[in-house]
Protein backbone atom coordinates (compact mmCIF):
# COMPACT_ATOMS: atom_id res chain seq x y z
CA MET A 1 -1.15 -12.78 0.74
CA VAL A 2 1.95 -14.03 2.44
CA GLY A 3 4.10 -11.94 4.73
CA THR A 4 3.66 -8.65 6.48
CA THR A 5 3.84 -5.20 5.05
CA SER A 6 4.51 -1.71 6.25
CA GLY A 7 3.47 1.25 4.21
CA MET A 8 0.53 2.76 2.42
CA VAL A 9 -2.91 1.35 1.66
CA LEU A 10 -4.60 2.77 -1.44
CA ASP A 11 -8.30 1.92 -1.62
CA LEU A 12 -9.08 2.88 -5.20
CA ARG A 13 -12.59 1.42 -5.43
CA GLY A 14 -14.16 4.89 -5.24
CA VAL A 15 -11.67 6.53 -7.61
CA THR A 16 -12.50 7.15 -11.27
CA PRO A 17 -11.00 4.27 -13.29
CA ALA A 18 -8.95 6.64 -15.46
CA MET A 19 -7.17 7.94 -12.34
CA ARG A 20 -6.33 4.63 -10.67
CA ARG A 21 -3.12 3.63 -12.47
CA PRO A 22 -1.75 7.19 -12.59
CA LEU A 23 -2.16 7.34 -8.79
CA VAL A 24 -0.38 4.01 -8.29
CA PHE A 25 2.43 5.01 -10.65
CA ALA A 26 2.85 8.36 -8.87
CA VAL A 27 3.29 6.50 -5.58
CA VAL A 28 5.75 3.89 -6.87
CA ASP A 29 7.74 6.51 -8.79
CA LYS A 30 8.05 8.54 -5.58
CA MET A 31 9.14 5.40 -3.72
CA ILE A 32 11.99 5.00 -6.21
CA GLU A 33 12.87 8.71 -6.06
CA ILE A 34 13.21 8.76 -2.27
CA ASP A 35 14.60 5.21 -2.04
CA CYS A 36 11.68 4.02 0.08
CA SER A 37 11.49 0.32 0.94
CA ASP A 38 7.89 0.34 2.20
CA SER A 39 5.15 -1.61 0.45
CA VAL A 40 1.89 -0.42 -1.07
CA VAL A 41 -1.38 -2.32 -0.76
CA VAL A 42 -3.86 -1.45 -3.51
CA ILE A 43 -7.54 -2.34 -3.14
CA VAL A 44 -9.69 -2.38 -6.29
CA ASP A 45 -12.95 -3.86 -7.53
CA HIS A 46 -11.44 -5.93 -10.39
CA ASP A 47 -8.48 -8.22 -11.02
CA PRO A 48 -5.39 -5.93 -10.95
CA SER A 49 -3.02 -8.36 -12.71
CA GLY A 50 -2.59 -5.93 -15.61
CA LEU A 51 -1.12 -3.41 -13.19
CA GLY A 52 1.61 -5.88 -12.28
CA TYR A 53 2.43 -6.45 -15.94
CA GLN A 54 2.53 -2.72 -16.58
CA LEU A 55 4.88 -2.16 -13.63
CA ASP A 56 7.29 -4.62 -15.26
CA LEU A 57 6.94 -3.00 -18.69
CA ARG A 58 7.52 0.61 -17.62
CA ARG A 59 11.13 1.73 -17.96
CA GLU A 60 10.89 3.66 -14.65
CA THR A 61 9.72 0.67 -12.61
CA ARG A 62 11.04 -2.38 -14.52
CA GLY A 63 12.55 -4.87 -12.08
CA CYS A 64 12.02 -2.61 -9.05
CA PHE A 65 8.88 -4.17 -7.56
CA GLU A 66 7.32 -7.52 -6.68
CA PHE A 67 3.59 -7.79 -7.34
CA GLU A 68 1.08 -10.20 -5.80
CA CYS A 69 -2.69 -10.06 -5.92
CA ASP A 70 -5.59 -12.01 -4.52
CA GLN A 71 -9.36 -11.71 -4.25
CA ARG A 72 -10.86 -11.24 -0.80
CA MET A 73 -13.99 -12.94 0.48
CA ASP A 74 -15.99 -9.70 0.00
CA GLY A 75 -15.13 -9.66 -3.74
CA ALA A 76 -12.57 -6.86 -3.60
CA TRP A 77 -9.11 -7.46 -5.05
CA VAL A 78 -5.97 -6.66 -3.09
CA ALA A 79 -2.56 -6.17 -4.68
CA LEU A 80 0.69 -5.99 -2.76
CA ILE A 81 3.41 -3.96 -4.44
CA ARG A 82 6.70 -4.52 -2.63
CA ARG A 83 10.01 -2.84 -3.44
CA ARG A 84 12.70 -5.32 -4.48
CA ILE A 85 15.93 -5.18 -2.54
CA LEU A 86 18.64 -4.72 -5.15
């Protein structure tokens, strides 16, 4: 991942799969609500690309975030969700 980030790290590898996206959406929705410009790093055990697509599809978050993901050497996937400056 390129660049630095300040903000929250959500390690969701131990969270029930059904709860993972709702947790991420709760965080990004709150970021919009309080006009927070921090980033969120999400760590999961599978490719999170679908999360990035869903962020762009949701009316509440469409166009508000940049999304990058990459797989680490240990096999975990890391996604950076960064608020777009409008």
